[in-house]
Amino acid sequence: MASESFTKQLKKVLSPLKAQWLKDAKSRGVDGNLAFDYYIKTGKAAAAKM
């Protein structure tokens, strides 16, 4: 598992990418936050099975 410090740095670096992704999703009529939350939930569930 990644350290809290690493996770914090990664979120900071990826923040602009997530913002652009949300903007692109909105332009396509998709609720980006809802979709993102689904992807996170699905990823965590898959990781828990490993």
N, C-alpha and C. Protein backbone atom coordinates (compact mmCIF):
# COMPACT_ATOMS: atom_id res chain seq x y z
N MET A 1 0.85 -1.17 0.00
CA MET A 1 0.00 0.00 0.00
C MET A 1 0.90 1.24 0.00
N ALA A 2 0.49 2.25 -0.73
CA ALA A 2 1.27 3.48 -0.85
C ALA A 2 1.19 4.30 0.43
N SER A 3 2.26 5.03 0.70
CA SER A 3 2.27 5.88 1.89
C SER A 3 1.31 7.05 1.70
N GLU A 4 0.91 7.64 2.80
CA GLU A 4 0.01 8.79 2.76
C GLU A 4 0.65 9.95 2.02
N SER A 5 1.95 10.15 2.22
CA SER A 5 2.68 11.23 1.56
C SER A 5 2.67 11.04 0.04
N PHE A 6 2.95 9.81 -0.39
CA PHE A 6 2.97 9.52 -1.83
C PHE A 6 1.58 9.72 -2.44
N THR A 7 0.57 9.23 -1.74
CA THR A 7 -0.81 9.37 -2.23
C THR A 7 -1.19 10.84 -2.36
N LYS A 8 -0.79 11.64 -1.40
CA LYS A 8 -1.08 13.07 -1.42
C LYS A 8 -0.40 13.74 -2.62
N GLN A 9 0.86 13.41 -2.85
CA GLN A 9 1.60 13.97 -3.98
C GLN A 9 0.98 13.55 -5.31
N LEU A 10 0.59 12.29 -5.39
CA LEU A 10 -0.02 11.78 -6.61
C LEU A 10 -1.33 12.48 -6.92
N LYS A 11 -2.16 12.68 -5.91
CA LYS A 11 -3.43 13.38 -6.10
C LYS A 11 -3.19 14.81 -6.58
N LYS A 12 -2.15 15.45 -6.05
CA LYS A 12 -1.83 16.82 -6.45
C LYS A 12 -1.42 16.87 -7.93
N VAL A 13 -0.58 15.93 -8.33
CA VAL A 13 -0.11 15.89 -9.71
C VAL A 13 -1.25 15.56 -10.68
N LEU A 14 -2.13 14.67 -10.26
CA LEU A 14 -3.21 14.22 -11.14
C LEU A 14 -4.43 15.13 -11.14
N SER A 15 -4.48 16.07 -10.22
CA SER A 15 -5.64 16.96 -10.11
C SER A 15 -6.00 17.67 -11.42
N PRO A 16 -5.04 18.24 -12.15
CA PRO A 16 -5.40 18.89 -13.42
C PRO A 16 -5.96 17.90 -14.45
N LEU A 17 -5.45 16.68 -14.45
CA LEU A 17 -5.96 15.67 -15.38
C LEU A 17 -7.40 15.30 -15.03
N LYS A 18 -7.67 15.16 -13.74
CA LYS A 18 -9.03 14.84 -13.31
C LYS A 18 -9.98 15.98 -13.67
N ALA A 19 -9.54 17.21 -13.46
CA ALA A 19 -10.38 18.37 -13.78
C ALA A 19 -10.71 18.40 -15.27
N GLN A 20 -9.73 18.12 -16.11
CA GLN A 20 -9.98 18.09 -17.55
C GLN A 20 -10.91 16.94 -17.92
N TRP A 21 -10.71 15.80 -17.28
CA TRP A 21 -11.56 14.64 -17.54
C TRP A 21 -13.01 14.97 -17.18
N LEU A 22 -13.22 15.62 -16.04
CA LEU A 22 -14.57 15.99 -15.62
C LEU A 22 -15.19 16.98 -16.60
N LYS A 23 -14.39 17.91 -17.07
CA LYS A 23 -14.87 18.89 -18.05
C LYS A 23 -15.27 18.20 -19.35
N ASP A 24 -14.44 17.28 -19.82
CA ASP A 24 -14.74 16.54 -21.04
C ASP A 24 -16.01 15.68 -20.87
N ALA A 25 -16.14 15.06 -19.72
CA ALA A 25 -17.32 14.24 -19.46
C ALA A 25 -18.58 15.10 -19.51
N LYS A 26 -18.52 16.26 -18.89
CA LYS A 26 -19.67 17.17 -18.87
C LYS A 26 -20.05 17.59 -20.29
N SER A 27 -19.05 17.84 -21.13
CA SER A 27 -19.33 18.26 -22.51
C SER A 27 -20.02 17.15 -23.30
N ARG A 28 -19.92 15.92 -22.81
CA ARG A 28 -20.56 14.78 -23.47
C ARG A 28 -21.87 14.38 -22.78
N GLY A 29 -22.29 15.20 -21.81
CA GLY A 29 -23.54 14.93 -21.11
C GLY A 29 -23.44 13.85 -20.05
N VAL A 30 -22.22 13.61 -19.57
CA VAL A 30 -21.99 12.59 -18.55
C VAL A 30 -21.70 13.27 -17.22
N ASP A 31 -22.27 12.74 -16.15
CA ASP A 31 -21.97 13.23 -14.80
C ASP A 31 -20.61 12.65 -14.42
N GLY A 32 -19.58 13.43 -14.64
CA GLY A 32 -18.21 12.97 -14.42
C GLY A 32 -17.92 12.55 -13.00
N ASN A 33 -18.44 13.28 -12.04
CA ASN A 33 -18.20 12.92 -10.64
C ASN A 33 -18.83 11.57 -10.31
N LEU A 34 -20.03 11.34 -10.80
CA LEU A 34 -20.70 10.06 -10.58
C LEU A 34 -19.92 8.93 -11.24
N ALA A 35 -19.48 9.16 -12.47
CA ALA A 35 -18.70 8.15 -13.19
C ALA A 35 -17.37 7.89 -12.48
N PHE A 36 -16.70 8.94 -12.06
CA PHE A 36 -15.41 8.80 -11.38
C PHE A 36 -15.58 7.99 -10.10
N ASP A 37 -16.61 8.33 -9.33
CA ASP A 37 -16.86 7.59 -8.08
C ASP A 37 -17.12 6.11 -8.37
N TYR A 38 -17.85 5.83 -9.45
CA TYR A 38 -18.10 4.44 -9.84
C TYR A 38 -16.79 3.73 -10.16
N TYR A 39 -15.92 4.38 -10.92
CA TYR A 39 -14.63 3.77 -11.28
C TYR A 39 -13.78 3.49 -10.04
N ILE A 40 -13.78 4.42 -9.10
CA ILE A 40 -13.02 4.23 -7.86
C ILE A 40 -13.59 3.05 -7.08
N LYS A 41 -14.92 3.02 -6.94
CA LYS A 41 -15.58 1.93 -6.20
C LYS A 41 -15.29 0.58 -6.85
N THR A 42 -15.39 0.53 -8.17
CA THR A 42 -15.14 -0.71 -8.90
C THR A 42 -13.69 -1.15 -8.77
N GLY A 43 -12.77 -0.20 -8.84
CA GLY A 43 -11.35 -0.51 -8.69
C GLY A 43 -11.03 -1.05 -7.31
N LYS A 44 -11.61 -0.45 -6.29
CA LYS A 44 -11.37 -0.92 -4.92
C LYS A 44 -11.93 -2.32 -4.72
N ALA A 45 -13.11 -2.57 -5.30
CA ALA A 45 -13.71 -3.91 -5.18
C ALA A 45 -12.84 -4.95 -5.88
N ALA A 46 -12.32 -4.60 -7.04
CA ALA A 46 -11.45 -5.53 -7.77
C ALA A 46 -10.16 -5.78 -7.00
N ALA A 47 -9.59 -4.73 -6.42
CA ALA A 47 -8.35 -4.87 -5.65
C ALA A 47 -8.56 -5.73 -4.41
N ALA A 48 -9.74 -5.62 -3.81
CA ALA A 48 -10.03 -6.40 -2.61
C ALA A 48 -10.10 -7.90 -2.91
N LYS A 49 -10.39 -8.24 -4.16
CA LYS A 49 -10.48 -9.65 -4.54
C LYS A 49 -9.12 -10.26 -4.84
N MET A 50 -8.09 -9.44 -4.91
CA MET A 50 -6.76 -9.94 -5.25
C MET A 50 -6.07 -10.51 -4.04
